[in-house]
Amino acid sequence: MGHDLELPAPAGTAEAYVAGAEGDPGVLLFVDAIGLRPQTRAMADRIAGWGYRVLAPHPFYRSGTAAELAPQGDLREAGAREAFFAGGVMDLVAGLTPELSDADADAWLEALTGSVGARGPVGVTGYCFGARLATRVAGRHPDVVAAVGGFHGGGLVVDGPDSPHLQIAAATAAFVYGHADQDASMPPEAVATLERELTASSERTGRPHRNEIYPGAQHGYTMADTSMYDEASAERHFTELRALLDGALRA
C-alpha cells in the first residue's frame, strides 16, 4: 500500500515510509526501539486503510540505515529479542536526546503536512520509546497535533524537567495510552502521575483521554514479529487508536 522515501532531516537525510492517499488527515507514527521494518510498515498500512495519510520515519538515521540496524533473526524465537536488545539498541535510544528528537519531530511534522501531502490537524501514535516522542511533539505543536496515542510506552514519567508527561500541560490533543501490565518502565505510580496530567488537560481543553493498563500484556505487545506480541491487546490498541483518530480528526 505504501512506499519508502527520503526526507530532509536536521542531521542529513532520513528514510521514512508513507502510506495512504494524499489529502487524507495525517498521522505521524513513531516506531518502537526495534525500528522501521516490515512490521511497522504493516502497521502504517493498516492505519492508512482507515483513511489516513501515515508517515513513519526511521528515527535512528544518524546511526545507520533501517536495514543496517534491523534484526537479522526472528525475534519470535526464544531469547532472540533479548539478544537483539543486548546488542546496543538501548544505546541508540539513549542517544536520541530530547534536543535531537524534538528537532527531528519538527521536521517530520513539516514533511507530513507539506511534501507528504497530508491534511492537518494531525494525529500522532508512538510505540515503546516512540510513545515518549509522541507525547513531546503534542506539547511542542498544540496547534497541529489533535490526537496522541501511546502504546507500551516506557519512561513517560521520569525525574527532571525533560519528562515527557510534562509536555501534556501545553498540549490541546485528545490522548489514549495503553500500558503493558507490570511494565517496569511504566510502573503503576507513573501511570497515576500521567493520569493527573491527563485529567488536568481534559479539564482545560475539553478533549477526552484514556489511560489504561492492558491486563496480561507485556512491553511490546503490539509487535507481531516479536515474542512479546499479544493479539488481543494488539487488536484492542487498534480499536482504541482508530476511535481516537476518528474522533479527533474527523469530528
C-alpha atoms as a PDB file:
ATOM      1  CA  MET A   1       0.000   0.000   0.000  1.00  0.00           C
ATOM      2  CA  GLY A   2       2.788   2.437   0.846  1.00  0.00           C
ATOM      3  CA  HIS A   3       6.306   3.241  -0.278  1.00  0.00           C
ATOM      4  CA  ASP A   4       9.671   4.294   1.105  1.00  0.00           C
ATOM      5  CA  LEU A   5      11.060   7.779   0.593  1.00  0.00           C
ATOM      6  CA  GLU A   6      13.759  10.068   1.943  1.00  0.00           C
ATOM      7  CA  LEU A   7      13.103  13.193   3.973  1.00  0.00           C
ATOM      8  CA  PRO A   8      15.257  16.211   4.784  1.00  0.00           C
ATOM      9  CA  ALA A   9      16.316  15.895   8.419  1.00  0.00           C
ATOM     10  CA  PRO A  10      18.285  18.037  10.876  1.00  0.00           C
ATOM     11  CA  ALA A  11      21.351  15.781  10.567  1.00  0.00           C
ATOM     12  CA  GLY A  12      21.083  14.933   6.876  1.00  0.00           C
ATOM     13  CA  THR A  13      18.555  12.700   5.137  1.00  0.00           C
ATOM     14  CA  ALA A  14      16.265  10.172   6.811  1.00  0.00           C
ATOM     15  CA  GLU A  15      14.431   7.186   5.437  1.00  0.00           C
ATOM     16  CA  ALA A  16      10.694   7.023   6.007  1.00  0.00           C
ATOM     17  CA  TYR A  17       7.653   5.034   4.961  1.00  0.00           C
ATOM     18  CA  VAL A  18       4.466   6.684   3.773  1.00  0.00           C
ATOM     19  CA  ALA A  19       1.059   5.077   3.225  1.00  0.00           C
ATOM     20  CA  GLY A  20      -2.402   6.307   2.351  1.00  0.00           C
ATOM     21  CA  ALA A  21      -3.792   8.903  -0.008  1.00  0.00           C
ATOM     22  CA  GLU A  22      -2.611  12.469  -0.296  1.00  0.00           C
ATOM     23  CA  GLY A  23      -5.162  14.874   1.136  1.00  0.00           C
ATOM     24  CA  ASP A  24      -6.269  12.495   3.896  1.00  0.00           C
ATOM     25  CA  PRO A  25      -5.771  13.535   7.528  1.00  0.00           C
ATOM     26  CA  GLY A  26      -2.195  12.984   8.622  1.00  0.00           C
ATOM     27  CA  VAL A  27      -0.832  10.529  11.161  1.00  0.00           C
ATOM     28  CA  LEU A  28       2.784  10.536  12.321  1.00  0.00           C
ATOM     29  CA  LEU A  29       3.877   7.084  13.512  1.00  0.00           C
ATOM     30  CA  PHE A  30       6.839   6.841  15.879  1.00  0.00           C
ATOM     31  CA  VAL A  31       8.189   3.293  15.717  1.00  0.00           C
ATOM     32  CA  ASP A  32       9.471   1.256  18.657  1.00  0.00           C
ATOM     33  CA  ALA A  33      13.123   0.710  19.573  1.00  0.00           C
ATOM     34  CA  ILE A  34      13.427  -2.163  17.087  1.00  0.00           C
ATOM     35  CA  GLY A  35      12.881   0.360  14.315  1.00  0.00           C
ATOM     36  CA  LEU A  36      11.388   0.839  10.895  1.00  0.00           C
ATOM     37  CA  ARG A  37      10.870  -2.626   9.409  1.00  0.00           C
ATOM     38  CA  PRO A  38       8.164  -4.754   7.740  1.00  0.00           C
ATOM     39  CA  GLN A  39       6.099  -4.956  10.959  1.00  0.00           C
ATOM     40  CA  THR A  40       5.939  -1.192  11.478  1.00  0.00           C
ATOM     41  CA  ARG A  41       5.303  -0.639   7.782  1.00  0.00           C
ATOM     42  CA  ALA A  42       2.384  -3.067   8.026  1.00  0.00           C
ATOM     43  CA  MET A  43       1.007  -1.133  10.989  1.00  0.00           C
ATOM     44  CA  ALA A  44       1.243   2.090   8.975  1.00  0.00           C
ATOM     45  CA  ASP A  45      -0.623   0.374   6.133  1.00  0.00           C
ATOM     46  CA  ARG A  46      -3.416  -0.697   8.461  1.00  0.00           C
ATOM     47  CA  ILE A  47      -3.871   2.807   9.845  1.00  0.00           C
ATOM     48  CA  ALA A  48      -3.790   4.225   6.323  1.00  0.00           C
ATOM     49  CA  GLY A  49      -6.588   1.821   5.427  1.00  0.00           C
ATOM     50  CA  TRP A  50      -8.847   3.743   7.810  1.00  0.00           C
ATOM     51  CA  GLY A  51      -8.484   6.808   5.576  1.00  0.00           C
ATOM     52  CA  TYR A  52      -5.287   8.452   6.834  1.00  0.00           C
ATOM     53  CA  ARG A  53      -2.007   9.573   5.288  1.00  0.00           C
ATOM     54  CA  VAL A  54       0.618   7.942   7.512  1.00  0.00           C
ATOM     55  CA  LEU A  55       4.298   8.827   7.817  1.00  0.00           C
ATOM     56  CA  ALA A  56       6.681   6.521   9.726  1.00  0.00           C
ATOM     57  CA  PRO A  57      10.247   7.900   9.871  1.00  0.00           C
ATOM     58  CA  HIS A  58      13.424   5.984  10.681  1.00  0.00           C
ATOM     59  CA  PRO A  59      14.403   7.610  13.986  1.00  0.00           C
ATOM     60  CA  PHE A  60      17.978   6.295  14.149  1.00  0.00           C
ATOM     61  CA  TYR A  61      19.114   7.685  10.800  1.00  0.00           C
ATOM     62  CA  ARG A  62      22.180   9.240  12.425  1.00  0.00           C
ATOM     63  CA  SER A  63      23.474   5.753  13.292  1.00  0.00           C
ATOM     64  CA  GLY A  64      22.752   3.777  10.130  1.00  0.00           C
ATOM     65  CA  THR A  65      20.077   2.790   7.667  1.00  0.00           C
ATOM     66  CA  ALA A  66      16.926   0.998   8.725  1.00  0.00           C
ATOM     67  CA  ALA A  67      18.177  -2.187   7.069  1.00  0.00           C
ATOM     68  CA  GLU A  68      21.582  -1.995   8.776  1.00  0.00           C
ATOM     69  CA  LEU A  69      20.016  -1.624  12.209  1.00  0.00           C
ATOM     70  CA  ALA A  70      17.183  -4.127  11.738  1.00  0.00           C
ATOM     71  CA  PRO A  71      17.185  -7.542  13.454  1.00  0.00           C
ATOM     72  CA  GLN A  72      18.846 -10.270  11.434  1.00  0.00           C
ATOM     73  CA  GLY A  73      16.950 -13.131  13.081  1.00  0.00           C
ATOM     74  CA  ASP A  74      13.403 -13.998  14.068  1.00  0.00           C
ATOM     75  CA  LEU A  75      12.556 -12.132  17.276  1.00  0.00           C
ATOM     76  CA  ARG A  76       9.715 -14.563  17.937  1.00  0.00           C
ATOM     77  CA  GLU A  77      12.199 -17.298  18.752  1.00  0.00           C
ATOM     78  CA  ALA A  78      13.158 -17.929  22.375  1.00  0.00           C
ATOM     79  CA  GLY A  79      15.839 -15.498  23.529  1.00  0.00           C
ATOM     80  CA  ALA A  80      16.180 -13.732  20.165  1.00  0.00           C
ATOM     81  CA  ARG A  81      14.525 -10.478  21.227  1.00  0.00           C
ATOM     82  CA  GLU A  82      16.628 -10.341  24.374  1.00  0.00           C
ATOM     83  CA  ALA A  83      19.802 -10.938  22.369  1.00  0.00           C
ATOM     84  CA  PHE A  84      18.904  -8.188  19.935  1.00  0.00           C
ATOM     85  CA  PHE A  85      18.375  -5.685  22.736  1.00  0.00           C
ATOM     86  CA  ALA A  86      21.652  -6.748  24.345  1.00  0.00           C
ATOM     87  CA  GLY A  87      23.403  -5.688  21.144  1.00  0.00           C
ATOM     88  CA  GLY A  88      23.198  -1.956  21.837  1.00  0.00           C
ATOM     89  CA  VAL A  89      19.692  -0.952  20.791  1.00  0.00           C
ATOM     90  CA  MET A  90      19.080   0.937  24.004  1.00  0.00           C
ATOM     91  CA  ASP A  91      22.262   2.925  23.416  1.00  0.00           C
ATOM     92  CA  LEU A  92      20.626   4.227  20.247  1.00  0.00           C
ATOM     93  CA  VAL A  93      17.515   5.154  22.215  1.00  0.00           C
ATOM     94  CA  ALA A  94      19.543   6.884  24.923  1.00  0.00           C
ATOM     95  CA  GLY A  95      21.499   8.779  22.289  1.00  0.00           C
ATOM     96  CA  LEU A  96      18.318  10.216  20.820  1.00  0.00           C
ATOM     97  CA  THR A  97      18.127  13.005  23.383  1.00  0.00           C
ATOM     98  CA  PRO A  98      15.155  15.379  23.630  1.00  0.00           C
ATOM     99  CA  GLU A  99      17.204  18.025  21.866  1.00  0.00           C
ATOM    100  CA  LEU A 100      17.738  15.735  18.881  1.00  0.00           C
ATOM    101  CA  SER A 101      14.320  14.068  18.845  1.00  0.00           C
ATOM    102  CA  ASP A 102      12.486  17.392  19.134  1.00  0.00           C
ATOM    103  CA  ALA A 103      14.330  18.767  16.124  1.00  0.00           C
ATOM    104  CA  ASP A 104      13.571  15.591  14.190  1.00  0.00           C
ATOM    105  CA  ALA A 105       9.881  15.706  15.133  1.00  0.00           C
ATOM    106  CA  ASP A 106       9.647  19.269  13.874  1.00  0.00           C
ATOM    107  CA  ALA A 107      10.978  18.069  10.523  1.00  0.00           C
ATOM    108  CA  TRP A 108       8.641  15.052  10.401  1.00  0.00           C
ATOM    109  CA  LEU A 109       5.574  17.218  11.072  1.00  0.00           C
ATOM    110  CA  GLU A 110       6.617  19.742   8.458  1.00  0.00           C
ATOM    111  CA  ALA A 111       7.057  16.954   5.919  1.00  0.00           C
ATOM    112  CA  LEU A 112       3.786  15.237   6.825  1.00  0.00           C
ATOM    113  CA  THR A 113       1.661  18.300   6.135  1.00  0.00           C
ATOM    114  CA  GLY A 114       3.963  19.556   3.378  1.00  0.00           C
ATOM    115  CA  SER A 115       5.711  17.339   0.857  1.00  0.00           C
ATOM    116  CA  VAL A 116       3.960  14.146   2.032  1.00  0.00           C
ATOM    117  CA  GLY A 117       0.598  15.780   1.354  1.00  0.00           C
ATOM    118  CA  ALA A 118      -1.424  15.055   4.494  1.00  0.00           C
ATOM    119  CA  ARG A 119      -4.208  17.286   5.764  1.00  0.00           C
ATOM    120  CA  GLY A 120      -3.926  18.810   9.204  1.00  0.00           C
ATOM    121  CA  PRO A 121      -4.523  18.847  12.075  1.00  0.00           C
ATOM    122  CA  VAL A 122      -2.800  15.517  12.593  1.00  0.00           C
ATOM    123  CA  GLY A 123      -2.660  12.557  14.908  1.00  0.00           C
ATOM    124  CA  VAL A 124       0.468  11.002  16.359  1.00  0.00           C
ATOM    125  CA  THR A 125       0.929   7.456  17.604  1.00  0.00           C
ATOM    126  CA  GLY A 126       4.023   6.006  19.244  1.00  0.00           C
ATOM    127  CA  TYR A 127       5.245   2.646  20.497  1.00  0.00           C
ATOM    128  CA  CYS A 128       7.794   1.839  23.198  1.00  0.00           C
ATOM    129  CA  PHE A 129      10.112   4.871  23.322  1.00  0.00           C
ATOM    130  CA  GLY A 130       8.057   6.295  20.447  1.00  0.00           C
ATOM    131  CA  ALA A 131       5.262   6.990  22.923  1.00  0.00           C
ATOM    132  CA  ARG A 132       7.609   9.473  24.582  1.00  0.00           C
ATOM    133  CA  LEU A 133       8.257  11.172  21.261  1.00  0.00           C
ATOM    134  CA  ALA A 134       4.527  11.329  20.508  1.00  0.00           C
ATOM    135  CA  THR A 135       3.835  12.937  23.870  1.00  0.00           C
ATOM    136  CA  ARG A 136       6.577  15.512  23.467  1.00  0.00           C
ATOM    137  CA  VAL A 137       5.513  16.586  19.993  1.00  0.00           C
ATOM    138  CA  ALA A 138       1.941  17.202  21.188  1.00  0.00           C
ATOM    139  CA  GLY A 139       3.158  19.747  23.702  1.00  0.00           C
ATOM    140  CA  ARG A 140       5.507  21.404  21.248  1.00  0.00           C
ATOM    141  CA  HIS A 141       2.912  21.718  18.487  1.00  0.00           C
ATOM    142  CA  PRO A 142      -0.516  22.139  20.108  1.00  0.00           C
ATOM    143  CA  ASP A 143      -1.811  23.948  17.035  1.00  0.00           C
ATOM    144  CA  VAL A 144      -1.063  20.966  14.787  1.00  0.00           C
ATOM    145  CA  VAL A 145      -1.413  17.785  16.905  1.00  0.00           C
ATOM    146  CA  ALA A 146      -5.031  16.948  17.770  1.00  0.00           C
ATOM    147  CA  ALA A 147      -4.657  13.296  18.824  1.00  0.00           C
ATOM    148  CA  VAL A 148      -1.957  11.290  20.600  1.00  0.00           C
ATOM    149  CA  GLY A 149      -1.761   7.537  21.055  1.00  0.00           C
ATOM    150  CA  GLY A 150       0.957   5.922  23.167  1.00  0.00           C
ATOM    151  CA  PHE A 151       1.211   2.138  23.500  1.00  0.00           C
ATOM    152  CA  HIS A 152       3.518   0.081  25.737  1.00  0.00           C
ATOM    153  CA  GLY A 153       5.409   3.313  26.267  1.00  0.00           C
ATOM    154  CA  GLY A 154       8.381   3.395  28.606  1.00  0.00           C
ATOM    155  CA  GLY A 155       9.739   6.343  30.540  1.00  0.00           C
ATOM    156  CA  LEU A 156       6.747   8.606  30.048  1.00  0.00           C
ATOM    157  CA  VAL A 157       7.226   9.826  33.620  1.00  0.00           C
ATOM    158  CA  VAL A 158      10.782  10.395  34.839  1.00  0.00           C
ATOM    159  CA  ASP A 159      12.535  12.788  37.173  1.00  0.00           C
ATOM    160  CA  GLY A 160      13.633  16.103  35.732  1.00  0.00           C
ATOM    161  CA  PRO A 161      12.286  18.896  33.543  1.00  0.00           C
ATOM    162  CA  ASP A 162      12.532  16.821  30.354  1.00  0.00           C
ATOM    163  CA  SER A 163       9.985  14.229  31.495  1.00  0.00           C
ATOM    164  CA  PRO A 164       7.617  13.646  28.548  1.00  0.00           C
ATOM    165  CA  HIS A 165       4.477  13.821  30.705  1.00  0.00           C
ATOM    166  CA  LEU A 166       5.188  17.472  31.484  1.00  0.00           C
ATOM    167  CA  GLN A 167       4.520  18.347  27.833  1.00  0.00           C
ATOM    168  CA  ILE A 168       0.856  17.438  28.272  1.00  0.00           C
ATOM    169  CA  ALA A 169       0.235  20.760  30.042  1.00  0.00           C
ATOM    170  CA  ALA A 170       0.920  22.609  26.792  1.00  0.00           C
ATOM    171  CA  ALA A 171      -0.994  20.220  24.532  1.00  0.00           C
ATOM    172  CA  THR A 172      -4.533  20.536  23.204  1.00  0.00           C
ATOM    173  CA  ALA A 173      -4.873  16.962  21.929  1.00  0.00           C
ATOM    174  CA  ALA A 174      -7.053  14.037  22.869  1.00  0.00           C
ATOM    175  CA  PHE A 175      -4.956  11.228  24.363  1.00  0.00           C
ATOM    176  CA  VAL A 176      -5.075   7.436  24.557  1.00  0.00           C
ATOM    177  CA  TYR A 177      -2.430   5.441  26.404  1.00  0.00           C
ATOM    178  CA  GLY A 178      -2.390   1.649  26.642  1.00  0.00           C
ATOM    179  CA  HIS A 179       0.213   0.436  29.125  1.00  0.00           C
ATOM    180  CA  ALA A 180       1.649  -3.055  29.322  1.00  0.00           C
ATOM    181  CA  ASP A 181       0.733  -4.861  32.520  1.00  0.00           C
ATOM    182  CA  GLN A 182       3.611  -4.992  35.041  1.00  0.00           C
ATOM    183  CA  ASP A 183       5.903  -2.967  32.750  1.00  0.00           C
ATOM    184  CA  ALA A 184       8.942  -1.950  34.799  1.00  0.00           C
ATOM    185  CA  SER A 185       9.480   1.069  32.540  1.00  0.00           C
ATOM    186  CA  MET A 186       5.984   2.381  33.335  1.00  0.00           C
ATOM    187  CA  PRO A 187       5.050   1.274  36.879  1.00  0.00           C
ATOM    188  CA  PRO A 188       1.647   1.965  38.480  1.00  0.00           C
ATOM    189  CA  GLU A 189       2.838   5.130  40.215  1.00  0.00           C
ATOM    190  CA  ALA A 190       3.994   6.532  36.875  1.00  0.00           C
ATOM    191  CA  VAL A 191       0.634   5.670  35.303  1.00  0.00           C
ATOM    192  CA  ALA A 192      -1.060   7.526  38.183  1.00  0.00           C
ATOM    193  CA  THR A 193       1.144  10.601  37.678  1.00  0.00           C
ATOM    194  CA  LEU A 194       0.351  10.533  33.977  1.00  0.00           C
ATOM    195  CA  GLU A 195      -3.356  10.328  34.813  1.00  0.00           C
ATOM    196  CA  ARG A 196      -3.168  13.510  36.886  1.00  0.00           C
ATOM    197  CA  GLU A 197      -1.648  15.400  33.960  1.00  0.00           C
ATOM    198  CA  LEU A 198      -4.198  13.986  31.540  1.00  0.00           C
ATOM    199  CA  THR A 199      -7.126  14.841  33.802  1.00  0.00           C
ATOM    200  CA  ALA A 200      -5.911  18.422  34.115  1.00  0.00           C
ATOM    201  CA  SER A 201      -5.507  18.599  30.334  1.00  0.00           C
ATOM    202  CA  SER A 202      -9.022  17.261  29.703  1.00  0.00           C
ATOM    203  CA  GLU A 203     -10.497  19.771  32.154  1.00  0.00           C
ATOM    204  CA  ARG A 204      -8.658  22.589  30.401  1.00  0.00           C
ATOM    205  CA  THR A 205      -9.279  21.615  26.766  1.00  0.00           C
ATOM    206  CA  GLY A 206     -12.478  19.562  26.879  1.00  0.00           C
ATOM    207  CA  ARG A 207     -10.665  16.803  24.985  1.00  0.00           C
ATOM    208  CA  PRO A 208     -11.123  13.211  26.181  1.00  0.00           C
ATOM    209  CA  HIS A 209      -8.394  10.879  27.356  1.00  0.00           C
ATOM    210  CA  ARG A 210      -7.887   7.219  28.201  1.00  0.00           C
ATOM    211  CA  ASN A 211      -5.010   5.941  30.294  1.00  0.00           C
ATOM    212  CA  GLU A 212      -5.340   2.218  30.897  1.00  0.00           C
ATOM    213  CA  ILE A 213      -3.300  -0.847  31.716  1.00  0.00           C
ATOM    214  CA  TYR A 214      -3.857  -3.817  29.409  1.00  0.00           C
ATOM    215  CA  PRO A 215      -4.061  -6.911  31.652  1.00  0.00           C
ATOM    216  CA  GLY A 216      -1.601  -9.640  30.803  1.00  0.00           C
ATOM    217  CA  ALA A 217       0.146  -7.622  28.093  1.00  0.00           C
ATOM    218  CA  GLN A 218       3.930  -7.419  28.009  1.00  0.00           C
ATOM    219  CA  HIS A 219       6.028  -4.495  26.835  1.00  0.00           C
ATOM    220  CA  GLY A 220       5.942  -4.668  23.045  1.00  0.00           C
ATOM    221  CA  TYR A 221       2.527  -6.316  22.849  1.00  0.00           C
ATOM    222  CA  THR A 222       1.604  -4.718  19.503  1.00  0.00           C
ATOM    223  CA  MET A 223       4.596  -6.107  17.623  1.00  0.00           C
ATOM    224  CA  ALA A 224       3.641  -9.332  15.852  1.00  0.00           C
ATOM    225  CA  ASP A 225       7.248 -10.003  14.824  1.00  0.00           C
ATOM    226  CA  THR A 226       8.455 -10.454  18.423  1.00  0.00           C
ATOM    227  CA  SER A 227       7.893 -12.828  21.315  1.00  0.00           C
ATOM    228  CA  MET A 228       6.118 -10.047  23.250  1.00  0.00           C
ATOM    229  CA  TYR A 229       3.134  -9.987  20.874  1.00  0.00           C
ATOM    230  CA  ASP A 230      -0.317 -10.371  22.377  1.00  0.00           C
ATOM    231  CA  GLU A 231      -3.034 -10.491  19.740  1.00  0.00           C
ATOM    232  CA  ALA A 232      -5.925  -9.457  21.996  1.00  0.00           C
ATOM    233  CA  SER A 233      -4.051  -6.446  23.336  1.00  0.00           C
ATOM    234  CA  ALA A 234      -2.783  -5.500  19.884  1.00  0.00           C
ATOM    235  CA  GLU A 235      -6.295  -5.567  18.457  1.00  0.00           C
ATOM    236  CA  ARG A 236      -7.574  -3.565  21.425  1.00  0.00           C
ATOM    237  CA  HIS A 237      -4.913  -0.961  20.654  1.00  0.00           C
ATOM    238  CA  PHE A 238      -6.009  -0.740  17.025  1.00  0.00           C
ATOM    239  CA  THR A 239      -9.647  -0.306  18.075  1.00  0.00           C
ATOM    240  CA  GLU A 240      -8.848   2.436  20.561  1.00  0.00           C
ATOM    241  CA  LEU A 241      -6.416   4.177  18.221  1.00  0.00           C
ATOM    242  CA  ARG A 242      -8.949   4.273  15.414  1.00  0.00           C
ATOM    243  CA  ALA A 243     -11.619   5.695  17.711  1.00  0.00           C
ATOM    244  CA  LEU A 244      -9.162   8.335  18.899  1.00  0.00           C
ATOM    245  CA  LEU A 245      -8.186   9.386  15.385  1.00  0.00           C
ATOM    246  CA  ASP A 246     -11.711   9.374  14.006  1.00  0.00           C
ATOM    247  CA  GLY A 247     -12.995  11.385  16.953  1.00  0.00           C
ATOM    248  CA  ALA A 248     -10.247  13.989  16.864  1.00  0.00           C
ATOM    249  CA  LEU A 249      -9.579  14.304  13.127  1.00  0.00           C
ATOM    250  CA  ARG A 250     -12.983  13.618  11.559  1.00  0.00           C
ATOM    251  CA  ALA A 251     -15.485  15.025  14.051  1.00  0.00           C
END
